[in-house]
Amino acid sequence: MRAVIGDGAEWIWTLVAEHFPDAIQIADLYHARQHLWEVARQLYPHEEIKQKTWMKVHQKHLLDKGKIERLVGTLRAIETTNFQMAEKLRTEADYFERNA
């Protein structure tokens, strides 16, 4: 059995499917954490302590423990009237859902 680790980019998974159709596709934790940090920074711009607190909960208790469904649900449940923030939350929730 083969496994391929990637950052979650669609073009990578397309190549993997073409060349290694039976491979397990795994999104690497480093890039997944980067996506989560982007959410924290947008939720709490210029508030590093709040960013770190948010990450402690969402990274350590959800992402790192493989609770991706809960993480996706949490991201989708964040309410905002800011269109850009809503779009970012949707994009990142989709990323985690697609790469679970």
Protein backbone atom coordinates (compact mmCIF):
# COMPACT_ATOMS: atom_id res chain seq x y z
CA MET A 1 0.00 0.00 0.00
CA ARG A 2 1.18 3.51 -0.80
CA ALA A 3 0.55 6.73 1.05
CA VAL A 4 1.17 10.23 -0.24
CA ILE A 5 1.50 13.23 2.04
CA GLY A 6 0.70 16.63 0.58
CA ASP A 7 -0.44 20.08 1.56
CA GLY A 8 -4.00 19.50 0.40
CA ALA A 9 -3.71 21.29 -2.94
CA GLU A 10 -6.11 19.81 -5.49
CA TRP A 11 -3.44 19.56 -8.19
CA ILE A 12 -1.39 17.27 -5.94
CA TRP A 13 -4.32 14.96 -5.25
CA THR A 14 -5.12 14.92 -8.99
CA LEU A 15 -1.59 13.76 -9.79
CA VAL A 16 -1.68 11.20 -7.01
CA ALA A 17 -4.98 9.81 -8.27
CA GLU A 18 -3.57 9.61 -11.80
CA HIS A 19 -0.27 7.93 -10.94
CA PHE A 20 -1.12 6.09 -7.71
CA PRO A 21 -4.88 5.47 -7.76
CA ASP A 22 -4.82 3.13 -4.77
CA ALA A 23 -2.68 5.39 -2.57
CA ILE A 24 -3.96 6.86 0.65
CA GLN A 25 -3.87 10.65 0.49
CA ILE A 26 -2.82 12.39 3.71
CA ALA A 27 -2.76 16.13 4.29
CA ASP A 28 0.31 17.02 6.30
CA LEU A 29 -0.17 18.46 9.76
CA TYR A 30 2.18 21.40 9.16
CA HIS A 31 0.03 22.84 6.38
CA ALA A 32 -3.20 22.02 8.20
CA ARG A 33 -1.94 24.01 11.18
CA GLN A 34 -1.07 26.92 8.87
CA HIS A 35 -4.66 26.98 7.64
CA LEU A 36 -5.92 27.06 11.20
CA TRP A 37 -3.52 29.87 12.13
CA GLU A 38 -4.89 31.92 9.23
CA VAL A 39 -8.35 31.67 10.78
CA ALA A 40 -7.05 32.67 14.22
CA ARG A 41 -5.25 35.69 12.78
CA GLN A 42 -8.35 36.86 10.94
CA LEU A 43 -10.62 36.31 13.93
CA TYR A 44 -8.29 38.22 16.26
CA PRO A 45 -6.11 40.60 14.24
CA HIS A 46 -3.46 42.33 16.38
CA GLU A 47 -4.45 40.21 19.42
CA GLU A 48 -1.73 37.60 19.70
CA ILE A 49 -2.87 36.26 23.08
CA LYS A 50 -6.41 35.64 21.78
CA GLN A 51 -4.96 33.98 18.66
CA LYS A 52 -2.86 31.63 20.79
CA THR A 53 -5.77 30.85 23.10
CA TRP A 54 -8.03 30.07 20.14
CA MET A 55 -5.32 27.87 18.61
CA LYS A 56 -4.76 26.00 21.87
CA VAL A 57 -8.37 24.87 21.82
CA HIS A 58 -8.80 24.26 18.10
CA GLN A 59 -5.38 22.88 17.24
CA LYS A 60 -4.50 20.84 20.30
CA HIS A 61 -7.97 19.58 21.16
CA LEU A 62 -9.44 19.13 17.68
CA LEU A 63 -6.94 19.13 14.80
CA ASP A 64 -4.08 17.34 16.50
CA LYS A 65 -6.45 14.73 17.93
CA GLY A 66 -8.02 14.04 14.53
CA LYS A 67 -11.42 15.46 15.45
CA ILE A 68 -11.84 16.97 12.01
CA GLU A 69 -15.64 16.74 11.85
CA ARG A 70 -15.89 18.75 15.07
CA LEU A 71 -13.35 21.25 13.77
CA VAL A 72 -15.29 21.70 10.52
CA GLY A 73 -18.53 22.09 12.46
CA THR A 74 -16.92 24.64 14.76
CA LEU A 75 -15.61 26.69 11.84
CA ARG A 76 -18.98 26.60 10.10
CA ALA A 77 -20.74 27.67 13.32
CA ILE A 78 -18.75 30.88 13.75
CA GLU A 79 -21.12 33.74 13.00
CA THR A 80 -19.93 36.91 11.37
CA THR A 81 -21.41 39.75 9.36
CA ASN A 82 -18.03 40.37 7.71
CA PHE A 83 -18.23 38.91 4.19
CA GLN A 84 -14.47 38.35 3.91
CA MET A 85 -14.37 36.56 7.25
CA ALA A 86 -17.37 34.41 6.31
CA GLU A 87 -15.68 33.48 3.04
CA LYS A 88 -12.41 32.64 4.83
CA LEU A 89 -14.23 30.45 7.35
CA ARG A 90 -16.06 28.65 4.55
CA THR A 91 -12.85 28.15 2.57
CA GLU A 92 -10.96 26.76 5.56
CA ALA A 93 -13.85 24.55 6.68
CA ASP A 94 -13.98 23.18 3.12
CA TYR A 95 -10.21 22.57 3.22
CA PHE A 96 -10.46 20.51 6.41
CA GLU A 97 -13.54 18.66 5.21
CA ARG A 98 -11.95 17.82 1.85
CA ASN A 99 -8.68 16.71 3.42
CA ALA A 100 -10.03 14.90 6.47
